[in-house]
Amino acid sequence: MKIGFIGDIVGKPGRSMLEIHLRKLRQEFGLDLVIANGENASHGFGLCAQHAKELFSYGADILTGGNHSWDKKEIIPLLDVMPILRPLNYPQGVPGKGVSVLHVNEEKVAIINVMGHYGMPMVENPFLRAQKAVDELRAEGVENIIIDFHAEVTSEKRAMHMLLKGNVSAILGTHTHVGTDDLQIVDGTCYVTDVGLSGARDGVIGMDKDAPLKRFLTGLPASLEIPKKCKKILQMVIMEIEEGKCVEAFKLRVFDDQERIIARAVHE
C-alpha cells in the first residue's frame, strides 16, 4: 500500500499546488491514500466548507487539523459528517473526532490526529491519548496506523517517535510549516519532525513578509496575510506500507516551476 501525506496547506497558494499536481502525483506514484493537513487552507487560518470540498476534489482522501481547526465556525458541524479530523486530545464532548479508520484495498488504515502542548491551546496529554488510541486500534487488529502530530517543538515530536516506534506505521510532524531533513524509518515506523508547508515558499511560514517584519522590528501587532503573488511549493511524504510496517519512504518537494527534489528516508 502506498500512502501520501501532505504537510500544512497554507491558503490559496497551497490549494493551487494541490489542484495542479495532486491528481498527477497520485497516478505517477500509485497512491492508494492521500492524507493532508488542512487547518490553514482557508486564507491561512482554519478550513471552510468550500475549500474542504476543493481539496477532496483535487485528490485528498482525509484532512487533519490542529490549533486552527476551530477558526472557521461553519466547519464545526461538518467535523461529524466529513472526513476531517481535529486533534484527538481535545476534551470529551468536543465536536468531531481525532481518529478515523478507513478501508483501503481491503485493509484497515487508521489516521490519528494529535496536538502537542508547548505553545498550543489547553488540551489533554498528547502522549497518553496517542498511546491509548494506538493500543485500542492494535487490539482491534488494525496494523496500519498513521499519526499526524501537530506540535511546535521538536522535542515533543521526537519523544512521540520514541514512545510509539515499532507500534505505528508513521509519525509525521506538522504545524511549524518548516520542513526538516530527518526523514527516517526505525523499527518499521516512518518519522519526520515536520513535513513542511504547501503554499508560498518565499514569505514567512507561508505568509506575506510585511506583517512578520513589522512585528519583529517594532513589537506592534500586524495581521498576517497570504501573499497575492509568490513562489509556491508542495511538500509531501510518500510511504510504502506492508503489514503495518513502513518499508520505504521519501520526501517529495514540487516547486511551481516544475522542479522536483526527492530525499529518501534513512533506514536506522
C-alpha atoms as a PDB file:
ATOM      1  CA  MET A   1       0.000   0.000   0.000  1.00  0.00           C
ATOM      2  CA  LYS A   2       1.287   3.456  -0.898  1.00  0.00           C
ATOM      3  CA  ILE A   3       0.252   6.460   1.171  1.00  0.00           C
ATOM      4  CA  GLY A   4       0.955  10.143   0.609  1.00  0.00           C
ATOM      5  CA  PHE A   5       0.958  12.692   3.421  1.00  0.00           C
ATOM      6  CA  ILE A   6       0.878  16.425   2.634  1.00  0.00           C
ATOM      7  CA  GLY A   7       2.019  18.974   5.210  1.00  0.00           C
ATOM      8  CA  ASP A   8       0.141  22.124   6.242  1.00  0.00           C
ATOM      9  CA  ILE A   9      -1.732  23.560   3.239  1.00  0.00           C
ATOM     10  CA  VAL A  10      -1.481  27.340   3.634  1.00  0.00           C
ATOM     11  CA  GLY A  11      -4.091  29.419   1.825  1.00  0.00           C
ATOM     12  CA  LYS A  12      -4.717  29.709  -1.893  1.00  0.00           C
ATOM     13  CA  PRO A  13      -1.076  29.092  -2.924  1.00  0.00           C
ATOM     14  CA  GLY A  14      -1.192  25.716  -1.180  1.00  0.00           C
ATOM     15  CA  ARG A  15      -4.588  24.793  -2.573  1.00  0.00           C
ATOM     16  CA  SER A  16      -3.497  25.755  -6.088  1.00  0.00           C
ATOM     17  CA  MET A  17      -0.470  23.454  -5.871  1.00  0.00           C
ATOM     18  CA  LEU A  18      -2.734  20.538  -4.983  1.00  0.00           C
ATOM     19  CA  GLU A  19      -5.070  21.446  -7.815  1.00  0.00           C
ATOM     20  CA  ILE A  20      -2.220  21.433 -10.323  1.00  0.00           C
ATOM     21  CA  HIS A  21      -0.207  18.460  -9.104  1.00  0.00           C
ATOM     22  CA  LEU A  22      -2.040  16.057  -6.790  1.00  0.00           C
ATOM     23  CA  ARG A  23      -4.018  14.017  -9.316  1.00  0.00           C
ATOM     24  CA  LYS A  24      -0.887  13.510 -11.423  1.00  0.00           C
ATOM     25  CA  LEU A  25       1.166  12.569  -8.351  1.00  0.00           C
ATOM     26  CA  ARG A  26      -1.441  10.024  -7.267  1.00  0.00           C
ATOM     27  CA  GLN A  27      -1.236   8.374 -10.661  1.00  0.00           C
ATOM     28  CA  GLU A  28       2.541   8.626 -11.028  1.00  0.00           C
ATOM     29  CA  PHE A  29       3.315   7.070  -7.650  1.00  0.00           C
ATOM     30  CA  GLY A  30       0.284   4.782  -7.446  1.00  0.00           C
ATOM     31  CA  LEU A  31      -1.010   6.314  -4.229  1.00  0.00           C
ATOM     32  CA  ASP A  32      -3.812   4.384  -2.560  1.00  0.00           C
ATOM     33  CA  LEU A  33      -4.490   7.029   0.097  1.00  0.00           C
ATOM     34  CA  VAL A  34      -3.680  10.738   0.486  1.00  0.00           C
ATOM     35  CA  ILE A  35      -3.805  12.463   3.877  1.00  0.00           C
ATOM     36  CA  ALA A  36      -3.381  16.240   4.066  1.00  0.00           C
ATOM     37  CA  ASN A  37      -3.272  18.734   6.905  1.00  0.00           C
ATOM     38  CA  GLY A  38      -5.881  21.369   6.041  1.00  0.00           C
ATOM     39  CA  GLU A  39      -6.098  23.563   9.146  1.00  0.00           C
ATOM     40  CA  ASN A  40      -4.538  26.568   7.347  1.00  0.00           C
ATOM     41  CA  ALA A  41      -6.113  26.005   3.940  1.00  0.00           C
ATOM     42  CA  SER A  42      -8.585  28.919   4.111  1.00  0.00           C
ATOM     43  CA  HIS A  43      -6.701  32.228   3.976  1.00  0.00           C
ATOM     44  CA  GLY A  44      -4.073  30.770   6.308  1.00  0.00           C
ATOM     45  CA  PHE A  45      -6.397  30.297   9.278  1.00  0.00           C
ATOM     46  CA  GLY A  46      -8.814  27.384   9.538  1.00  0.00           C
ATOM     47  CA  LEU A  47     -10.758  25.471   6.921  1.00  0.00           C
ATOM     48  CA  CYS A  48     -14.086  26.458   5.369  1.00  0.00           C
ATOM     49  CA  ALA A  49     -16.544  24.037   3.783  1.00  0.00           C
ATOM     50  CA  GLN A  50     -15.888  25.237   0.237  1.00  0.00           C
ATOM     51  CA  HIS A  51     -12.143  24.763   0.497  1.00  0.00           C
ATOM     52  CA  ALA A  52     -12.541  21.363   2.149  1.00  0.00           C
ATOM     53  CA  LYS A  53     -14.614  20.224  -0.831  1.00  0.00           C
ATOM     54  CA  GLU A  54     -11.972  21.658  -3.176  1.00  0.00           C
ATOM     55  CA  LEU A  55      -9.194  19.675  -1.510  1.00  0.00           C
ATOM     56  CA  PHE A  56     -11.206  16.463  -1.727  1.00  0.00           C
ATOM     57  CA  SER A  57     -11.862  17.117  -5.411  1.00  0.00           C
ATOM     58  CA  TYR A  58      -8.125  17.566  -6.019  1.00  0.00           C
ATOM     59  CA  GLY A  59      -7.377  14.099  -4.623  1.00  0.00           C
ATOM     60  CA  ALA A  60      -7.133  14.302  -0.832  1.00  0.00           C
ATOM     61  CA  ASP A  61      -8.978  11.488   0.945  1.00  0.00           C
ATOM     62  CA  ILE A  62      -8.913  12.795   4.520  1.00  0.00           C
ATOM     63  CA  LEU A  63      -7.914  16.103   6.126  1.00  0.00           C
ATOM     64  CA  THR A  64      -6.268  16.547   9.510  1.00  0.00           C
ATOM     65  CA  GLY A  65      -6.275  19.618  11.726  1.00  0.00           C
ATOM     66  CA  GLY A  66      -4.622  21.351  14.648  1.00  0.00           C
ATOM     67  CA  ASN A  67      -4.882  24.515  16.709  1.00  0.00           C
ATOM     68  CA  HIS A  68      -6.688  26.322  13.856  1.00  0.00           C
ATOM     69  CA  SER A  69      -9.340  23.624  13.437  1.00  0.00           C
ATOM     70  CA  TRP A  70     -11.966  25.865  15.011  1.00  0.00           C
ATOM     71  CA  ASP A  71     -11.200  29.146  13.212  1.00  0.00           C
ATOM     72  CA  LYS A  72     -13.968  28.791  10.630  1.00  0.00           C
ATOM     73  CA  LYS A  73     -17.160  28.131  12.595  1.00  0.00           C
ATOM     74  CA  GLU A  74     -19.019  26.751   9.561  1.00  0.00           C
ATOM     75  CA  ILE A  75     -16.744  23.692   9.544  1.00  0.00           C
ATOM     76  CA  ILE A  76     -17.549  22.636  13.115  1.00  0.00           C
ATOM     77  CA  PRO A  77     -20.824  20.773  12.383  1.00  0.00           C
ATOM     78  CA  LEU A  78     -19.180  19.181   9.349  1.00  0.00           C
ATOM     79  CA  LEU A  79     -16.495  17.551  11.505  1.00  0.00           C
ATOM     80  CA  ASP A  80     -19.022  14.850  12.347  1.00  0.00           C
ATOM     81  CA  VAL A  81     -20.046  14.119   8.744  1.00  0.00           C
ATOM     82  CA  MET A  82     -16.980  14.761   6.539  1.00  0.00           C
ATOM     83  CA  PRO A  83     -13.581  13.004   6.543  1.00  0.00           C
ATOM     84  CA  ILE A  84     -11.983  15.811   8.540  1.00  0.00           C
ATOM     85  CA  LEU A  85     -10.148  15.176  11.812  1.00  0.00           C
ATOM     86  CA  ARG A  86      -9.403  17.534  14.684  1.00  0.00           C
ATOM     87  CA  PRO A  87      -6.808  16.770  17.374  1.00  0.00           C
ATOM     88  CA  LEU A  88      -7.675  13.699  19.421  1.00  0.00           C
ATOM     89  CA  ASN A  89      -6.665  15.240  22.736  1.00  0.00           C
ATOM     90  CA  TYR A  90      -9.379  17.868  22.987  1.00  0.00           C
ATOM     91  CA  PRO A  91     -11.729  17.038  25.887  1.00  0.00           C
ATOM     92  CA  GLN A  92     -14.572  14.569  25.538  1.00  0.00           C
ATOM     93  CA  GLY A  93     -17.702  16.189  24.120  1.00  0.00           C
ATOM     94  CA  VAL A  94     -15.918  18.470  21.672  1.00  0.00           C
ATOM     95  CA  PRO A  95     -17.337  18.113  18.117  1.00  0.00           C
ATOM     96  CA  GLY A  96     -15.559  15.847  15.660  1.00  0.00           C
ATOM     97  CA  LYS A  97     -13.069  13.075  16.222  1.00  0.00           C
ATOM     98  CA  GLY A  98      -9.327  12.574  16.293  1.00  0.00           C
ATOM     99  CA  VAL A  99      -9.172   9.035  14.895  1.00  0.00           C
ATOM    100  CA  SER A 100     -10.565   7.631  11.680  1.00  0.00           C
ATOM    101  CA  VAL A 101     -10.305   4.096  10.311  1.00  0.00           C
ATOM    102  CA  LEU A 102     -10.562   3.825   6.527  1.00  0.00           C
ATOM    103  CA  HIS A 103     -10.769   0.761   4.305  1.00  0.00           C
ATOM    104  CA  VAL A 104      -8.090   0.909   1.613  1.00  0.00           C
ATOM    105  CA  ASN A 105      -7.526  -2.016  -0.741  1.00  0.00           C
ATOM    106  CA  GLU A 106      -9.384  -4.283   1.690  1.00  0.00           C
ATOM    107  CA  GLU A 107      -7.085  -3.207   4.524  1.00  0.00           C
ATOM    108  CA  LYS A 108      -7.850  -1.025   7.513  1.00  0.00           C
ATOM    109  CA  VAL A 109      -5.830   2.179   7.850  1.00  0.00           C
ATOM    110  CA  ALA A 110      -6.135   4.326  10.965  1.00  0.00           C
ATOM    111  CA  ILE A 111      -5.291   8.022  10.921  1.00  0.00           C
ATOM    112  CA  ILE A 112      -4.688   9.711  14.264  1.00  0.00           C
ATOM    113  CA  ASN A 113      -4.510  13.496  14.652  1.00  0.00           C
ATOM    114  CA  VAL A 114      -2.959  14.663  17.927  1.00  0.00           C
ATOM    115  CA  MET A 115      -1.677  18.063  19.121  1.00  0.00           C
ATOM    116  CA  GLY A 116       1.298  18.970  21.288  1.00  0.00           C
ATOM    117  CA  HIS A 117       1.352  21.009  24.492  1.00  0.00           C
ATOM    118  CA  TYR A 118       4.017  23.688  24.097  1.00  0.00           C
ATOM    119  CA  GLY A 119       2.631  26.956  22.703  1.00  0.00           C
ATOM    120  CA  MET A 120      -0.725  25.345  21.946  1.00  0.00           C
ATOM    121  CA  PRO A 121      -4.266  25.632  23.354  1.00  0.00           C
ATOM    122  CA  MET A 122      -5.001  23.722  26.535  1.00  0.00           C
ATOM    123  CA  VAL A 123      -5.526  20.068  25.642  1.00  0.00           C
ATOM    124  CA  GLU A 124      -5.122  16.706  27.313  1.00  0.00           C
ATOM    125  CA  ASN A 125      -1.793  14.881  27.419  1.00  0.00           C
ATOM    126  CA  PRO A 126      -0.919  14.004  23.791  1.00  0.00           C
ATOM    127  CA  PHE A 127       1.345  11.121  24.723  1.00  0.00           C
ATOM    128  CA  LEU A 128      -1.179   9.343  26.935  1.00  0.00           C
ATOM    129  CA  ARG A 129      -4.033   9.890  24.463  1.00  0.00           C
ATOM    130  CA  ALA A 130      -1.967   8.723  21.496  1.00  0.00           C
ATOM    131  CA  GLN A 131      -0.706   5.650  23.345  1.00  0.00           C
ATOM    132  CA  LYS A 132      -4.251   4.736  24.400  1.00  0.00           C
ATOM    133  CA  ALA A 133      -5.581   5.166  20.856  1.00  0.00           C
ATOM    134  CA  VAL A 134      -2.789   3.038  19.378  1.00  0.00           C
ATOM    135  CA  ASP A 135      -3.329   0.285  21.967  1.00  0.00           C
ATOM    136  CA  GLU A 136      -7.062   0.216  21.213  1.00  0.00           C
ATOM    137  CA  LEU A 137      -6.517   0.095  17.463  1.00  0.00           C
ATOM    138  CA  ARG A 138      -3.996  -2.704  17.669  1.00  0.00           C
ATOM    139  CA  ALA A 139      -6.321  -4.641  19.986  1.00  0.00           C
ATOM    140  CA  GLU A 140      -8.936  -4.347  17.221  1.00  0.00           C
ATOM    141  CA  GLY A 141      -6.471  -5.777  14.705  1.00  0.00           C
ATOM    142  CA  VAL A 142      -5.616  -2.511  12.943  1.00  0.00           C
ATOM    143  CA  GLU A 143      -1.953  -2.647  11.899  1.00  0.00           C
ATOM    144  CA  ASN A 144      -1.679   0.351   9.565  1.00  0.00           C
ATOM    145  CA  ILE A 145      -1.587   3.443  11.789  1.00  0.00           C
ATOM    146  CA  ILE A 146      -0.561   6.928  10.615  1.00  0.00           C
ATOM    147  CA  ILE A 147      -0.154   9.775  13.126  1.00  0.00           C
ATOM    148  CA  ASP A 148      -0.197  13.486  12.314  1.00  0.00           C
ATOM    149  CA  PHE A 149       1.474  15.043  15.358  1.00  0.00           C
ATOM    150  CA  HIS A 150       0.688  18.753  15.202  1.00  0.00           C
ATOM    151  CA  ALA A 151       3.229  20.303  17.557  1.00  0.00           C
ATOM    152  CA  GLU A 152       5.516  23.308  17.927  1.00  0.00           C
ATOM    153  CA  VAL A 153       8.696  21.877  19.421  1.00  0.00           C
ATOM    154  CA  THR A 154      10.960  19.210  18.007  1.00  0.00           C
ATOM    155  CA  SER A 155      11.418  17.573  21.416  1.00  0.00           C
ATOM    156  CA  GLU A 156       7.742  16.636  21.691  1.00  0.00           C
ATOM    157  CA  LYS A 157       7.701  15.145  18.219  1.00  0.00           C
ATOM    158  CA  ARG A 158      10.903  13.208  18.784  1.00  0.00           C
ATOM    159  CA  ALA A 159       9.612  11.922  22.121  1.00  0.00           C
ATOM    160  CA  MET A 160       6.402  10.705  20.461  1.00  0.00           C
ATOM    161  CA  HIS A 161       8.582   8.809  17.985  1.00  0.00           C
ATOM    162  CA  MET A 162      10.486   7.163  20.832  1.00  0.00           C
ATOM    163  CA  LEU A 163       7.230   6.241  22.576  1.00  0.00           C
ATOM    164  CA  LEU A 164       5.468   4.665  19.605  1.00  0.00           C
ATOM    165  CA  LYS A 165       8.144   3.475  17.161  1.00  0.00           C
ATOM    166  CA  GLY A 166       7.559  -0.108  16.145  1.00  0.00           C
ATOM    167  CA  ASN A 167       3.859   0.132  17.009  1.00  0.00           C
ATOM    168  CA  VAL A 168       2.691   2.540  14.294  1.00  0.00           C
ATOM    169  CA  SER A 169       3.390   2.864  10.587  1.00  0.00           C
ATOM    170  CA  ALA A 170       4.287   6.565  10.629  1.00  0.00           C
ATOM    171  CA  ILE A 171       4.592   9.645  12.836  1.00  0.00           C
ATOM    172  CA  LEU A 172       4.591  12.772  10.692  1.00  0.00           C
ATOM    173  CA  GLY A 173       5.074  16.210  12.223  1.00  0.00           C
ATOM    174  CA  THR A 174       3.091  19.275  11.175  1.00  0.00           C
ATOM    175  CA  HIS A 175       2.471  22.857  12.412  1.00  0.00           C
ATOM    176  CA  THR A 176       5.805  24.706  12.087  1.00  0.00           C
ATOM    177  CA  HIS A 177       5.462  24.977   8.272  1.00  0.00           C
ATOM    178  CA  VAL A 178       9.235  24.439   8.010  1.00  0.00           C
ATOM    179  CA  GLY A 179      10.251  21.063   6.641  1.00  0.00           C
ATOM    180  CA  THR A 180      13.022  19.123   8.375  1.00  0.00           C
ATOM    181  CA  ASP A 181      15.564  16.780   6.799  1.00  0.00           C
ATOM    182  CA  ASP A 182      15.363  13.905   9.298  1.00  0.00           C
ATOM    183  CA  LEU A 183      13.083  11.523   7.386  1.00  0.00           C
ATOM    184  CA  GLN A 184      13.863   8.031   8.653  1.00  0.00           C
ATOM    185  CA  ILE A 185      12.433   4.559   9.133  1.00  0.00           C
ATOM    186  CA  VAL A 186      13.048   2.945  12.520  1.00  0.00           C
ATOM    187  CA  ASP A 187      11.563  -0.411  13.545  1.00  0.00           C
ATOM    188  CA  GLY A 188       9.073  -0.126  10.692  1.00  0.00           C
ATOM    189  CA  THR A 189       7.934   3.379  11.676  1.00  0.00           C
ATOM    190  CA  CYS A 190       8.392   6.291   9.259  1.00  0.00           C
ATOM    191  CA  TYR A 191       9.248   9.523  11.088  1.00  0.00           C
ATOM    192  CA  VAL A 192       9.905  13.137  10.177  1.00  0.00           C
ATOM    193  CA  THR A 193       9.853  16.048  12.608  1.00  0.00           C
ATOM    194  CA  ASP A 194       7.974  18.296  10.167  1.00  0.00           C
ATOM    195  CA  VAL A 195       6.772  17.655   6.643  1.00  0.00           C
ATOM    196  CA  GLY A 196       6.702  21.382   5.854  1.00  0.00           C
ATOM    197  CA  LEU A 197       4.059  23.622   4.323  1.00  0.00           C
ATOM    198  CA  SER A 198       2.446  23.501   0.935  1.00  0.00           C
ATOM    199  CA  GLY A 199       2.000  27.101  -0.159  1.00  0.00           C
ATOM    200  CA  ALA A 200       4.132  30.230  -0.502  1.00  0.00           C
ATOM    201  CA  ARG A 201       7.838  29.455  -0.149  1.00  0.00           C
ATOM    202  CA  ASP A 202       9.236  32.988  -0.387  1.00  0.00           C
ATOM    203  CA  GLY A 203       7.456  34.574   2.583  1.00  0.00           C
ATOM    204  CA  VAL A 204       7.441  33.772   6.314  1.00  0.00           C
ATOM    205  CA  ILE A 205       5.802  30.394   7.126  1.00  0.00           C
ATOM    206  CA  GLY A 206       3.575  30.819   4.088  1.00  0.00           C
ATOM    207  CA  MET A 207       2.561  34.408   4.849  1.00  0.00           C
ATOM    208  CA  ASP A 208       3.476  37.723   3.246  1.00  0.00           C
ATOM    209  CA  LYS A 209       6.687  39.030   4.845  1.00  0.00           C
ATOM    210  CA  ASP A 210       5.472  42.554   5.701  1.00  0.00           C
ATOM    211  CA  ALA A 211       3.415  41.776   8.824  1.00  0.00           C
ATOM    212  CA  PRO A 212       6.012  39.476  10.451  1.00  0.00           C
ATOM    213  CA  LEU A 213       8.740  42.054   9.792  1.00  0.00           C
ATOM    214  CA  LYS A 214       6.620  44.801  11.368  1.00  0.00           C
ATOM    215  CA  ARG A 215       6.063  42.639  14.416  1.00  0.00           C
ATOM    216  CA  PHE A 216       9.738  41.813  14.805  1.00  0.00           C
ATOM    217  CA  LEU A 217      11.029  45.323  14.096  1.00  0.00           C
ATOM    218  CA  THR A 218       8.515  47.327  16.124  1.00  0.00           C
ATOM    219  CA  GLY A 219       6.746  44.964  18.521  1.00  0.00           C
ATOM    220  CA  LEU A 220       3.430  46.271  17.200  1.00  0.00           C
ATOM    221  CA  PRO A 221       0.601  43.961  16.116  1.00  0.00           C
ATOM    222  CA  ALA A 222       0.068  43.309  12.419  1.00  0.00           C
ATOM    223  CA  SER A 223      -2.318  40.960  10.631  1.00  0.00           C
ATOM    224  CA  LEU A 224      -0.780  38.035   8.799  1.00  0.00           C
ATOM    225  CA  GLU A 225      -1.927  37.722   5.194  1.00  0.00           C
ATOM    226  CA  ILE A 226      -1.416  35.262   2.367  1.00  0.00           C
ATOM    227  CA  PRO A 227       0.735  36.891  -0.366  1.00  0.00           C
ATOM    228  CA  LYS A 228      -1.069  37.753  -3.586  1.00  0.00           C
ATOM    229  CA  LYS A 229       1.989  36.823  -5.658  1.00  0.00           C
ATOM    230  CA  CYS A 230       4.543  34.276  -4.531  1.00  0.00           C
ATOM    231  CA  LYS A 231       6.717  31.324  -5.375  1.00  0.00           C
ATOM    232  CA  LYS A 232       4.996  28.084  -4.382  1.00  0.00           C
ATOM    233  CA  ILE A 233       5.856  24.605  -3.166  1.00  0.00           C
ATOM    234  CA  LEU A 234       4.067  21.332  -2.431  1.00  0.00           C
ATOM    235  CA  GLN A 235       5.691  19.097   0.196  1.00  0.00           C
ATOM    236  CA  MET A 236       4.669  15.539   0.929  1.00  0.00           C
ATOM    237  CA  VAL A 237       5.978  12.266   2.289  1.00  0.00           C
ATOM    238  CA  ILE A 238       5.247   9.144   0.254  1.00  0.00           C
ATOM    239  CA  MET A 239       5.383   5.822   2.099  1.00  0.00           C
ATOM    240  CA  GLU A 240       5.100   2.176   1.203  1.00  0.00           C
ATOM    241  CA  ILE A 241       3.416   0.200   3.973  1.00  0.00           C
ATOM    242  CA  GLU A 242       3.378  -3.585   4.297  1.00  0.00           C
ATOM    243  CA  GLU A 243       1.535  -5.310   7.147  1.00  0.00           C
ATOM    244  CA  GLY A 244       1.641  -2.164   9.243  1.00  0.00           C
ATOM    245  CA  LYS A 245       5.351  -1.535   8.704  1.00  0.00           C
ATOM    246  CA  CYS A 246       6.849   1.224   6.568  1.00  0.00           C
ATOM    247  CA  VAL A 247       9.373  -0.387   4.232  1.00  0.00           C
ATOM    248  CA  GLU A 248      10.254   2.620   2.056  1.00  0.00           C
ATOM    249  CA  ALA A 249       9.620   6.367   2.191  1.00  0.00           C
ATOM    250  CA  PHE A 250      10.749   9.555   0.546  1.00  0.00           C
ATOM    251  CA  LYS A 251      10.123  13.275   0.836  1.00  0.00           C
ATOM    252  CA  LEU A 252       8.923  14.959  -2.334  1.00  0.00           C
ATOM    253  CA  ARG A 253       9.119  18.707  -2.895  1.00  0.00           C
ATOM    254  CA  VAL A 254       7.447  20.043  -6.026  1.00  0.00           C
ATOM    255  CA  PHE A 255       8.104  23.658  -6.992  1.00  0.00           C
ATOM    256  CA  ASP A 256       5.839  25.874  -9.072  1.00  0.00           C
ATOM    257  CA  ASP A 257       8.424  25.905 -11.842  1.00  0.00           C
ATOM    258  CA  GLN A 258       8.043  22.092 -12.026  1.00  0.00           C
ATOM    259  CA  GLU A 259      11.429  21.430 -10.424  1.00  0.00           C
ATOM    260  CA  ARG A 260      11.447  18.479  -8.001  1.00  0.00           C
ATOM    261  CA  ILE A 261      13.600  17.361  -5.138  1.00  0.00           C
ATOM    262  CA  ILE A 262      13.328  13.841  -3.730  1.00  0.00           C
ATOM    263  CA  ALA A 263      15.020  12.822  -0.481  1.00  0.00           C
ATOM    264  CA  ARG A 264      14.789   9.190   0.570  1.00  0.00           C
ATOM    265  CA  ALA A 265      14.352   8.063   4.157  1.00  0.00           C
ATOM    266  CA  VAL A 266      17.296   6.751   6.097  1.00  0.00           C
ATOM    267  CA  HIS A 267      16.822   3.233   7.474  1.00  0.00           C
ATOM    268  CA  GLU A 268      18.035   3.166  11.068  1.00  0.00           C
END
